[in-house]
Amino acid sequence: MSTPRLQIKQIMVSFAIRIILVIILCGPLAFNNVFGQSPTKEVTIKYMQTALKGVIGTEITTDYFISEVKFDGSEYEYYSRKQPSYLGFINRTEQIPWHDFKKFDEDHKVDERITSVTMIFNIKVEGDLITIRENGEHWAKVDTYKESIVMLVPNEKVESFKKAVLRMVELAGDADPFK
């Protein structure tokens, strides 16, 4: 038969073991949330890819639909074509200079589903606009140099997408560390 003192000791040991088990199992989750650990670059890019692909199938101008979107963190392009042919265009931005991000311009609703998010940079961003013929061949390419990039995003993801953009800027750091 155990004494009350022994029973209390067993209860305390059992309780301590449970607390330690909870800390071991849930600690990493709590640690990340408590100390505000930010998403990694890979997680941020994956989120942005998913958001950008949410506009596929949407009409952006009369009879022109977004049929493909690509984003890898440094390059963005979308392919818009006239249904049911291949006639269309590819709008591509190469080497997004996250470290030279200046600000967001005013958002514009393209339609009831899509908003264009415009990012302004301190430098000119290189890109191109490729026109595609009915048979699918590339017909004309125009190099573009502009101080902004427009990305098409589903309306419900605009604010979180902007947070992801700011995270990419943060991850890029400053181009001039001695500024």
N, C-alpha and C. Protein backbone atom coordinates (compact mmCIF):
# COMPACT_ATOMS: atom_id res chain seq x y z
N MET A 1 0.83 -1.17 0.00
CA MET A 1 0.00 0.00 0.00
C MET A 1 0.89 1.25 0.00
N SER A 2 0.55 2.20 -0.84
CA SER A 2 1.39 3.38 -0.95
C SER A 2 0.92 4.49 -0.03
N THR A 3 1.86 5.27 0.38
CA THR A 3 1.56 6.37 1.28
C THR A 3 1.10 7.57 0.46
N PRO A 4 0.40 8.51 1.10
CA PRO A 4 -0.05 9.71 0.37
C PRO A 4 1.12 10.48 -0.23
N ARG A 5 2.23 10.48 0.45
CA ARG A 5 3.40 11.20 -0.05
C ARG A 5 3.91 10.55 -1.34
N LEU A 6 3.93 9.22 -1.40
CA LEU A 6 4.36 8.48 -2.57
C LEU A 6 3.39 8.71 -3.73
N GLN A 7 2.10 8.76 -3.44
CA GLN A 7 1.09 9.01 -4.48
C GLN A 7 1.27 10.40 -5.09
N ILE A 8 1.52 11.38 -4.26
CA ILE A 8 1.73 12.75 -4.76
C ILE A 8 2.96 12.80 -5.64
N LYS A 9 4.02 12.11 -5.22
CA LYS A 9 5.26 12.08 -5.99
C LYS A 9 5.01 11.43 -7.36
N GLN A 10 4.25 10.33 -7.41
CA GLN A 10 3.95 9.65 -8.67
C GLN A 10 3.12 10.55 -9.59
N ILE A 11 2.17 11.28 -9.01
CA ILE A 11 1.33 12.19 -9.80
C ILE A 11 2.19 13.31 -10.39
N MET A 12 3.10 13.85 -9.60
CA MET A 12 3.97 14.93 -10.07
C MET A 12 4.91 14.44 -11.17
N VAL A 13 5.46 13.27 -11.03
CA VAL A 13 6.34 12.70 -12.06
C VAL A 13 5.54 12.48 -13.35
N SER A 14 4.35 11.92 -13.22
CA SER A 14 3.49 11.68 -14.38
C SER A 14 3.16 13.00 -15.08
N PHE A 15 2.83 14.02 -14.27
CA PHE A 15 2.51 15.34 -14.82
C PHE A 15 3.73 15.94 -15.53
N ALA A 16 4.90 15.84 -14.93
CA ALA A 16 6.13 16.37 -15.51
C ALA A 16 6.44 15.68 -16.84
N ILE A 17 6.25 14.37 -16.88
CA ILE A 17 6.50 13.63 -18.12
C ILE A 17 5.55 14.11 -19.22
N ARG A 18 4.30 14.34 -18.89
CA ARG A 18 3.32 14.83 -19.88
C ARG A 18 3.70 16.22 -20.38
N ILE A 19 4.11 17.10 -19.47
CA ILE A 19 4.52 18.45 -19.87
C ILE A 19 5.72 18.38 -20.82
N ILE A 20 6.69 17.57 -20.47
CA ILE A 20 7.88 17.42 -21.32
C ILE A 20 7.49 16.87 -22.69
N LEU A 21 6.60 15.91 -22.73
CA LEU A 21 6.14 15.33 -23.99
C LEU A 21 5.44 16.38 -24.85
N VAL A 22 4.59 17.20 -24.25
CA VAL A 22 3.90 18.28 -24.99
C VAL A 22 4.91 19.27 -25.55
N ILE A 23 5.90 19.64 -24.75
CA ILE A 23 6.92 20.58 -25.21
C ILE A 23 7.71 19.99 -26.38
N ILE A 24 8.06 18.73 -26.28
CA ILE A 24 8.82 18.08 -27.36
C ILE A 24 8.00 18.02 -28.64
N LEU A 25 6.73 17.67 -28.53
CA LEU A 25 5.89 17.51 -29.71
C LEU A 25 5.43 18.84 -30.31
N CYS A 26 5.09 19.81 -29.49
CA CYS A 26 4.52 21.07 -29.97
C CYS A 26 5.49 22.23 -29.91
N GLY A 27 6.61 22.04 -29.30
CA GLY A 27 7.58 23.11 -29.13
C GLY A 27 8.00 23.81 -30.41
N PRO A 28 8.39 23.06 -31.45
CA PRO A 28 8.81 23.73 -32.68
C PRO A 28 7.72 24.61 -33.28
N LEU A 29 6.48 24.17 -33.24
CA LEU A 29 5.39 24.99 -33.78
C LEU A 29 5.22 26.25 -32.96
N ALA A 30 5.21 26.12 -31.67
CA ALA A 30 5.04 27.27 -30.80
C ALA A 30 6.23 28.22 -30.92
N PHE A 31 7.42 27.68 -31.02
CA PHE A 31 8.63 28.50 -31.13
C PHE A 31 8.57 29.37 -32.38
N ASN A 32 8.21 28.79 -33.52
CA ASN A 32 8.13 29.55 -34.76
C ASN A 32 7.09 30.65 -34.67
N ASN A 33 5.93 30.37 -34.07
CA ASN A 33 4.89 31.37 -33.98
C ASN A 33 5.21 32.44 -32.96
N VAL A 34 5.74 32.06 -31.82
CA VAL A 34 6.04 33.02 -30.75
C VAL A 34 7.13 33.99 -31.19
N PHE A 35 8.15 33.48 -31.84
CA PHE A 35 9.27 34.33 -32.21
C PHE A 35 9.16 34.87 -33.63
N GLY A 36 8.01 34.68 -34.29
CA GLY A 36 7.74 35.31 -35.57
C GLY A 36 8.66 34.90 -36.70
N GLN A 37 9.02 33.65 -36.76
CA GLN A 37 9.87 33.20 -37.85
C GLN A 37 9.14 33.39 -39.17
N SER A 38 9.78 34.04 -40.12
CA SER A 38 9.18 34.34 -41.42
C SER A 38 9.31 33.17 -42.36
N PRO A 39 8.44 33.12 -43.38
CA PRO A 39 8.51 32.03 -44.36
C PRO A 39 9.84 32.05 -45.12
N THR A 40 10.30 30.89 -45.52
CA THR A 40 11.52 30.79 -46.30
C THR A 40 11.26 31.30 -47.72
N LYS A 41 12.32 31.48 -48.48
CA LYS A 41 12.20 31.92 -49.86
C LYS A 41 11.40 30.90 -50.67
N GLU A 42 11.67 29.61 -50.45
CA GLU A 42 10.97 28.56 -51.18
C GLU A 42 9.48 28.58 -50.89
N VAL A 43 9.10 28.74 -49.64
CA VAL A 43 7.69 28.79 -49.25
C VAL A 43 7.03 30.02 -49.87
N THR A 44 7.72 31.16 -49.86
CA THR A 44 7.18 32.40 -50.42
C THR A 44 6.96 32.26 -51.92
N ILE A 45 7.95 31.70 -52.62
CA ILE A 45 7.82 31.51 -54.08
C ILE A 45 6.66 30.57 -54.39
N LYS A 46 6.56 29.48 -53.64
CA LYS A 46 5.47 28.52 -53.86
C LYS A 46 4.11 29.19 -53.67
N TYR A 47 3.99 30.01 -52.63
CA TYR A 47 2.73 30.73 -52.40
C TYR A 47 2.42 31.65 -53.59
N MET A 48 3.43 32.40 -54.04
CA MET A 48 3.23 33.34 -55.14
C MET A 48 2.85 32.59 -56.43
N GLN A 49 3.50 31.46 -56.69
CA GLN A 49 3.15 30.65 -57.86
C GLN A 49 1.68 30.24 -57.82
N THR A 50 1.25 29.75 -56.68
CA THR A 50 -0.14 29.30 -56.53
C THR A 50 -1.11 30.47 -56.76
N ALA A 51 -0.81 31.62 -56.17
CA ALA A 51 -1.68 32.79 -56.33
C ALA A 51 -1.73 33.23 -57.80
N LEU A 52 -0.57 33.29 -58.45
CA LEU A 52 -0.52 33.74 -59.84
C LEU A 52 -1.24 32.77 -60.77
N LYS A 53 -1.14 31.49 -60.50
CA LYS A 53 -1.82 30.50 -61.34
C LYS A 53 -3.33 30.52 -61.14
N GLY A 54 -3.79 31.19 -60.11
CA GLY A 54 -5.22 31.31 -59.84
C GLY A 54 -5.97 32.13 -60.87
N VAL A 55 -5.25 32.80 -61.78
CA VAL A 55 -5.91 33.62 -62.81
C VAL A 55 -6.02 32.89 -64.15
N ILE A 56 -5.47 31.69 -64.24
CA ILE A 56 -5.53 30.93 -65.50
C ILE A 56 -6.99 30.69 -65.87
N GLY A 57 -7.29 30.93 -67.14
CA GLY A 57 -8.65 30.74 -67.65
C GLY A 57 -9.49 32.00 -67.61
N THR A 58 -8.94 33.08 -67.07
CA THR A 58 -9.69 34.33 -66.95
C THR A 58 -9.49 35.19 -68.20
N GLU A 59 -10.58 35.81 -68.65
CA GLU A 59 -10.53 36.72 -69.80
C GLU A 59 -9.97 38.06 -69.33
N ILE A 60 -8.90 38.53 -69.98
CA ILE A 60 -8.33 39.82 -69.56
C ILE A 60 -8.68 40.95 -70.52
N THR A 61 -8.90 40.63 -71.78
CA THR A 61 -9.45 41.57 -72.76
C THR A 61 -10.40 40.75 -73.63
N THR A 62 -11.14 41.40 -74.46
CA THR A 62 -12.14 40.71 -75.27
C THR A 62 -11.54 39.51 -75.98
N ASP A 63 -12.04 38.34 -75.66
CA ASP A 63 -11.68 37.05 -76.26
C ASP A 63 -10.25 36.59 -75.96
N TYR A 64 -9.49 37.29 -75.13
CA TYR A 64 -8.15 36.86 -74.77
C TYR A 64 -8.15 36.34 -73.34
N PHE A 65 -7.70 35.11 -73.17
CA PHE A 65 -7.71 34.44 -71.88
C PHE A 65 -6.30 34.11 -71.44
N ILE A 66 -6.05 34.16 -70.15
CA ILE A 66 -4.75 33.75 -69.64
C ILE A 66 -4.73 32.23 -69.66
N SER A 67 -3.75 31.67 -70.38
CA SER A 67 -3.70 30.22 -70.50
C SER A 67 -2.52 29.59 -69.78
N GLU A 68 -1.53 30.39 -69.41
CA GLU A 68 -0.37 29.84 -68.71
C GLU A 68 0.32 30.95 -67.92
N VAL A 69 0.82 30.60 -66.74
CA VAL A 69 1.56 31.54 -65.90
C VAL A 69 2.79 30.81 -65.37
N LYS A 70 3.94 31.50 -65.42
CA LYS A 70 5.18 30.94 -64.87
C LYS A 70 5.81 31.96 -63.94
N PHE A 71 6.30 31.48 -62.80
CA PHE A 71 6.99 32.34 -61.84
C PHE A 71 7.97 31.47 -61.07
N ASP A 72 9.23 31.89 -61.03
CA ASP A 72 10.23 31.11 -60.30
C ASP A 72 10.97 31.93 -59.25
N GLY A 73 10.47 33.12 -58.97
CA GLY A 73 11.12 33.99 -57.99
C GLY A 73 11.94 35.08 -58.64
N SER A 74 12.48 34.82 -59.82
CA SER A 74 13.25 35.85 -60.51
C SER A 74 12.67 36.18 -61.88
N GLU A 75 11.84 35.33 -62.44
CA GLU A 75 11.23 35.57 -63.74
C GLU A 75 9.72 35.33 -63.65
N TYR A 76 8.97 36.19 -64.34
CA TYR A 76 7.51 36.07 -64.36
C TYR A 76 7.04 36.21 -65.79
N GLU A 77 6.14 35.31 -66.21
CA GLU A 77 5.54 35.47 -67.52
C GLU A 77 4.14 34.90 -67.52
N TYR A 78 3.32 35.49 -68.35
CA TYR A 78 2.00 34.91 -68.57
C TYR A 78 1.70 34.92 -70.06
N TYR A 79 0.96 33.92 -70.48
CA TYR A 79 0.61 33.71 -71.87
C TYR A 79 -0.89 33.95 -72.01
N SER A 80 -1.24 34.90 -72.85
CA SER A 80 -2.63 35.21 -73.09
C SER A 80 -2.93 34.90 -74.55
N ARG A 81 -4.00 34.13 -74.79
CA ARG A 81 -4.31 33.79 -76.17
C ARG A 81 -5.79 33.89 -76.45
N LYS A 82 -6.06 34.05 -77.72
CA LYS A 82 -7.44 34.15 -78.18
C LYS A 82 -7.98 32.74 -78.36
N GLN A 83 -9.14 32.47 -77.82
CA GLN A 83 -9.74 31.15 -77.94
C GLN A 83 -10.40 31.01 -79.31
N PRO A 84 -10.35 29.91 -79.99
CA PRO A 84 -9.66 28.67 -79.68
C PRO A 84 -8.30 28.58 -80.37
N SER A 85 -7.80 29.68 -80.93
CA SER A 85 -6.55 29.63 -81.68
C SER A 85 -5.34 29.81 -80.77
N TYR A 86 -4.15 29.88 -81.38
CA TYR A 86 -2.92 30.16 -80.64
C TYR A 86 -2.57 31.63 -80.66
N LEU A 87 -3.31 32.44 -81.41
CA LEU A 87 -3.05 33.87 -81.52
C LEU A 87 -3.02 34.47 -80.12
N GLY A 88 -1.98 35.18 -79.79
CA GLY A 88 -1.89 35.76 -78.46
C GLY A 88 -0.56 36.42 -78.21
N PHE A 89 -0.20 36.53 -76.96
CA PHE A 89 1.07 37.14 -76.61
C PHE A 89 1.59 36.58 -75.30
N ILE A 90 2.90 36.68 -75.16
CA ILE A 90 3.58 36.32 -73.91
C ILE A 90 4.17 37.60 -73.34
N ASN A 91 3.86 37.89 -72.12
CA ASN A 91 4.42 39.04 -71.43
C ASN A 91 5.38 38.49 -70.39
N ARG A 92 6.68 38.81 -70.57
CA ARG A 92 7.70 38.21 -69.71
C ARG A 92 8.57 39.29 -69.07
N THR A 93 8.87 39.08 -67.80
CA THR A 93 9.81 39.93 -67.06
C THR A 93 10.94 39.04 -66.59
N GLU A 94 12.17 39.44 -66.89
CA GLU A 94 13.33 38.64 -66.52
C GLU A 94 14.10 39.33 -65.39
N GLN A 95 14.64 38.55 -64.50
CA GLN A 95 15.49 39.04 -63.41
C GLN A 95 14.82 40.16 -62.61
N ILE A 96 13.79 39.80 -61.89
CA ILE A 96 13.09 40.77 -61.05
C ILE A 96 14.05 41.29 -59.99
N PRO A 97 14.28 42.61 -59.94
CA PRO A 97 15.25 43.18 -58.99
C PRO A 97 14.61 43.47 -57.63
N TRP A 98 14.34 42.41 -56.88
CA TRP A 98 13.67 42.58 -55.59
C TRP A 98 14.40 43.58 -54.70
N HIS A 99 15.72 43.59 -54.76
CA HIS A 99 16.50 44.49 -53.90
C HIS A 99 16.31 45.96 -54.27
N ASP A 100 15.74 46.26 -55.43
CA ASP A 100 15.49 47.63 -55.85
C ASP A 100 14.00 48.00 -55.84
N PHE A 101 13.21 47.25 -55.10
CA PHE A 101 11.78 47.54 -54.98
C PHE A 101 11.59 48.90 -54.32
N LYS A 102 10.68 49.69 -54.87
CA LYS A 102 10.42 51.03 -54.33
C LYS A 102 9.08 51.08 -53.60
N LYS A 103 7.99 50.68 -54.30
CA LYS A 103 6.66 50.75 -53.69
C LYS A 103 5.65 50.04 -54.59
N PHE A 104 4.44 49.89 -54.05
CA PHE A 104 3.32 49.40 -54.84
C PHE A 104 2.60 50.60 -55.42
N ASP A 105 2.18 50.49 -56.67
CA ASP A 105 1.32 51.51 -57.26
C ASP A 105 -0.12 51.13 -56.93
N GLU A 106 -1.05 51.96 -57.31
CA GLU A 106 -2.46 51.68 -57.05
C GLU A 106 -2.90 50.40 -57.77
N ASP A 107 -3.66 49.57 -57.08
CA ASP A 107 -4.19 48.34 -57.68
C ASP A 107 -5.32 48.69 -58.64
N HIS A 108 -5.47 47.86 -59.68
CA HIS A 108 -6.57 48.04 -60.65
C HIS A 108 -7.29 46.71 -60.81
N LYS A 109 -8.60 46.74 -60.63
CA LYS A 109 -9.39 45.53 -60.86
C LYS A 109 -9.55 45.33 -62.35
N VAL A 110 -9.09 44.19 -62.85
CA VAL A 110 -9.22 43.86 -64.26
C VAL A 110 -10.66 43.43 -64.53
N ASP A 111 -11.21 42.64 -63.63
CA ASP A 111 -12.61 42.22 -63.68
C ASP A 111 -13.04 41.82 -62.28
N GLU A 112 -14.15 41.12 -62.16
CA GLU A 112 -14.64 40.76 -60.82
C GLU A 112 -13.78 39.72 -60.13
N ARG A 113 -12.84 39.10 -60.84
CA ARG A 113 -11.99 38.05 -60.24
C ARG A 113 -10.53 38.44 -60.09
N ILE A 114 -10.03 39.37 -60.91
CA ILE A 114 -8.59 39.64 -60.99
C ILE A 114 -8.26 41.10 -60.70
N THR A 115 -7.15 41.28 -60.00
CA THR A 115 -6.59 42.62 -59.76
C THR A 115 -5.17 42.63 -60.28
N SER A 116 -4.79 43.74 -60.91
CA SER A 116 -3.39 43.89 -61.32
C SER A 116 -2.64 44.59 -60.20
N VAL A 117 -1.61 43.93 -59.72
CA VAL A 117 -0.76 44.48 -58.66
C VAL A 117 0.49 45.02 -59.35
N THR A 118 0.71 46.33 -59.21
CA THR A 118 1.84 46.98 -59.87
C THR A 118 2.92 47.29 -58.85
N MET A 119 4.13 46.82 -59.16
CA MET A 119 5.28 47.06 -58.29
C MET A 119 6.23 48.03 -59.01
N ILE A 120 6.62 49.08 -58.32
CA ILE A 120 7.52 50.09 -58.87
C ILE A 120 8.93 49.80 -58.34
N PHE A 121 9.91 49.90 -59.21
CA PHE A 121 11.31 49.66 -58.84
C PHE A 121 12.14 50.92 -59.05
N ASN A 122 13.29 50.98 -58.40
CA ASN A 122 14.20 52.12 -58.54
C ASN A 122 15.01 52.07 -59.83
N ILE A 123 14.98 50.95 -60.52
CA ILE A 123 15.72 50.80 -61.77
C ILE A 123 14.77 50.27 -62.85
N LYS A 124 15.20 50.33 -64.09
CA LYS A 124 14.40 49.78 -65.18
C LYS A 124 14.54 48.26 -65.19
N VAL A 125 13.40 47.61 -65.40
CA VAL A 125 13.33 46.15 -65.39
C VAL A 125 13.22 45.67 -66.83
N GLU A 126 14.03 44.69 -67.17
CA GLU A 126 14.05 44.16 -68.54
C GLU A 126 12.98 43.09 -68.71
N GLY A 127 12.34 43.14 -69.85
CA GLY A 127 11.35 42.13 -70.18
C GLY A 127 11.11 42.11 -71.67
N ASP A 128 10.12 41.36 -72.10
CA ASP A 128 9.74 41.39 -73.50
C ASP A 128 8.29 40.99 -73.68
N LEU A 129 7.76 41.42 -74.81
CA LEU A 129 6.40 41.09 -75.21
C LEU A 129 6.51 40.35 -76.53
N ILE A 130 6.05 39.12 -76.55
CA ILE A 130 6.17 38.28 -77.75
C ILE A 130 4.77 38.05 -78.31
N THR A 131 4.61 38.36 -79.60
CA THR A 131 3.34 38.12 -80.28
C THR A 131 3.37 36.74 -80.90
N ILE A 132 2.27 36.01 -80.78
CA ILE A 132 2.18 34.65 -81.29
C ILE A 132 1.16 34.60 -82.42
N ARG A 133 1.53 33.97 -83.53
CA ARG A 133 0.61 33.84 -84.67
C ARG A 133 -0.41 32.74 -84.44
N GLU A 134 -1.38 32.67 -85.34
CA GLU A 134 -2.44 31.65 -85.27
C GLU A 134 -1.88 30.24 -85.20
N ASN A 135 -0.77 29.98 -85.91
CA ASN A 135 -0.21 28.63 -85.94
C ASN A 135 0.68 28.33 -84.72
N GLY A 136 0.82 29.28 -83.81
CA GLY A 136 1.58 29.06 -82.60
C GLY A 136 3.03 29.52 -82.67
N GLU A 137 3.50 29.96 -83.85
CA GLU A 137 4.90 30.40 -83.93
C GLU A 137 5.05 31.83 -83.40
N HIS A 138 6.23 32.09 -82.85
CA HIS A 138 6.52 33.43 -82.34
C HIS A 138 6.74 34.34 -83.55
N TRP A 139 6.01 35.43 -83.58
CA TRP A 139 6.03 36.30 -84.74
C TRP A 139 6.86 37.56 -84.52
N ALA A 140 6.67 38.21 -83.39
CA ALA A 140 7.40 39.45 -83.13
C ALA A 140 7.76 39.51 -81.65
N LYS A 141 8.92 40.08 -81.39
CA LYS A 141 9.36 40.24 -80.01
C LYS A 141 9.77 41.69 -79.81
N VAL A 142 9.24 42.29 -78.78
CA VAL A 142 9.58 43.67 -78.46
C VAL A 142 10.21 43.68 -77.08
N ASP A 143 11.45 44.17 -77.00
CA ASP A 143 12.10 44.29 -75.69
C ASP A 143 11.48 45.46 -74.94
N THR A 144 11.27 45.27 -73.66
CA THR A 144 10.69 46.33 -72.84
C THR A 144 11.63 46.66 -71.69
N TYR A 145 11.69 47.92 -71.37
CA TYR A 145 12.47 48.40 -70.23
C TYR A 145 11.57 49.37 -69.48
N LYS A 146 11.10 48.96 -68.34
CA LYS A 146 10.16 49.79 -67.59
C LYS A 146 10.50 49.73 -66.11
N GLU A 147 9.98 50.68 -65.38
CA GLU A 147 10.27 50.75 -63.95
C GLU A 147 9.21 50.06 -63.11
N SER A 148 8.35 49.29 -63.76
CA SER A 148 7.30 48.60 -63.00
C SER A 148 7.05 47.21 -63.57
N ILE A 149 6.50 46.38 -62.73
CA ILE A 149 6.06 45.04 -63.13
C ILE A 149 4.62 44.92 -62.68
N VAL A 150 3.78 44.42 -63.56
CA VAL A 150 2.38 44.19 -63.23
C VAL A 150 2.16 42.69 -63.16
N MET A 151 1.63 42.23 -62.05
CA MET A 151 1.29 40.81 -61.89
C MET A 151 -0.21 40.71 -61.64
N LEU A 152 -0.84 39.76 -62.30
CA LEU A 152 -2.28 39.55 -62.18
C LEU A 152 -2.55 38.53 -61.08
N VAL A 153 -3.41 38.92 -60.12
CA VAL A 153 -3.64 38.12 -58.92
C VAL A 153 -5.16 38.03 -58.66
N PRO A 154 -5.65 36.88 -58.18
CA PRO A 154 -7.06 36.81 -57.79
C PRO A 154 -7.36 37.85 -56.71
N ASN A 155 -8.51 38.49 -56.82
CA ASN A 155 -8.88 39.57 -55.88
C ASN A 155 -8.71 39.19 -54.42
N GLU A 156 -9.10 37.98 -54.06
CA GLU A 156 -9.06 37.59 -52.64
C GLU A 156 -7.64 37.35 -52.12
N LYS A 157 -6.64 37.36 -53.01
CA LYS A 157 -5.26 37.09 -52.57
C LYS A 157 -4.37 38.33 -52.65
N VAL A 158 -4.93 39.48 -53.00
CA VAL A 158 -4.11 40.68 -53.23
C VAL A 158 -3.28 41.06 -52.01
N GLU A 159 -3.89 41.17 -50.85
CA GLU A 159 -3.15 41.62 -49.66
C GLU A 159 -2.08 40.63 -49.23
N SER A 160 -2.40 39.34 -49.23
CA SER A 160 -1.39 38.35 -48.84
C SER A 160 -0.31 38.25 -49.91
N PHE A 161 -0.66 38.47 -51.18
CA PHE A 161 0.34 38.47 -52.25
C PHE A 161 1.33 39.62 -52.05
N LYS A 162 0.81 40.77 -51.68
CA LYS A 162 1.70 41.92 -51.42
C LYS A 162 2.65 41.62 -50.26
N LYS A 163 2.15 40.93 -49.24
CA LYS A 163 3.02 40.53 -48.13
C LYS A 163 4.12 39.59 -48.62
N ALA A 164 3.77 38.71 -49.54
CA ALA A 164 4.78 37.80 -50.11
C ALA A 164 5.81 38.58 -50.92
N VAL A 165 5.37 39.60 -51.66
CA VAL A 165 6.30 40.46 -52.41
C VAL A 165 7.27 41.13 -51.43
N LEU A 166 6.73 41.68 -50.36
CA LEU A 166 7.59 42.33 -49.36
C LEU A 166 8.56 41.34 -48.72
N ARG A 167 8.14 40.10 -48.58
CA ARG A 167 9.04 39.06 -48.04
C ARG A 167 10.16 38.79 -49.03
N MET A 168 9.86 38.77 -50.34
CA MET A 168 10.90 38.58 -51.36
C MET A 168 11.90 39.74 -51.31
N VAL A 169 11.39 40.94 -51.11
CA VAL A 169 12.26 42.12 -50.99
C VAL A 169 13.16 41.97 -49.78
N GLU A 170 12.59 41.55 -48.67
CA GLU A 170 13.35 41.34 -47.43
C GLU A 170 14.43 40.28 -47.63
N LEU A 171 14.08 39.20 -48.30
CA LEU A 171 15.04 38.11 -48.54
C LEU A 171 16.17 38.53 -49.48
N ALA A 172 15.85 39.45 -50.40
CA ALA A 172 16.87 39.90 -51.36
C ALA A 172 17.92 40.78 -50.69
N GLY A 173 17.53 41.46 -49.64
CA GLY A 173 18.47 42.35 -48.96
C GLY A 173 18.70 43.60 -49.78
N ASP A 174 19.62 44.40 -49.34
CA ASP A 174 19.94 45.66 -50.00
C ASP A 174 21.04 45.42 -51.03
N ALA A 175 20.86 45.97 -52.22
CA ALA A 175 21.86 45.81 -53.27
C ALA A 175 23.17 46.51 -52.87
N ASP A 176 23.05 47.58 -52.10
CA ASP A 176 24.23 48.32 -51.63
C ASP A 176 24.27 48.23 -50.10
N PRO A 177 25.05 47.30 -49.55
CA PRO A 177 25.07 47.13 -48.10
C PRO A 177 25.69 48.31 -47.36
N PHE A 178 26.34 49.25 -48.07
CA PHE A 178 26.99 50.40 -47.43
C PHE A 178 26.15 51.67 -47.52
N LYS A 179 24.91 51.54 -47.93
CA LYS A 179 24.01 52.66 -48.05
C LYS A 179 23.76 53.30 -46.72
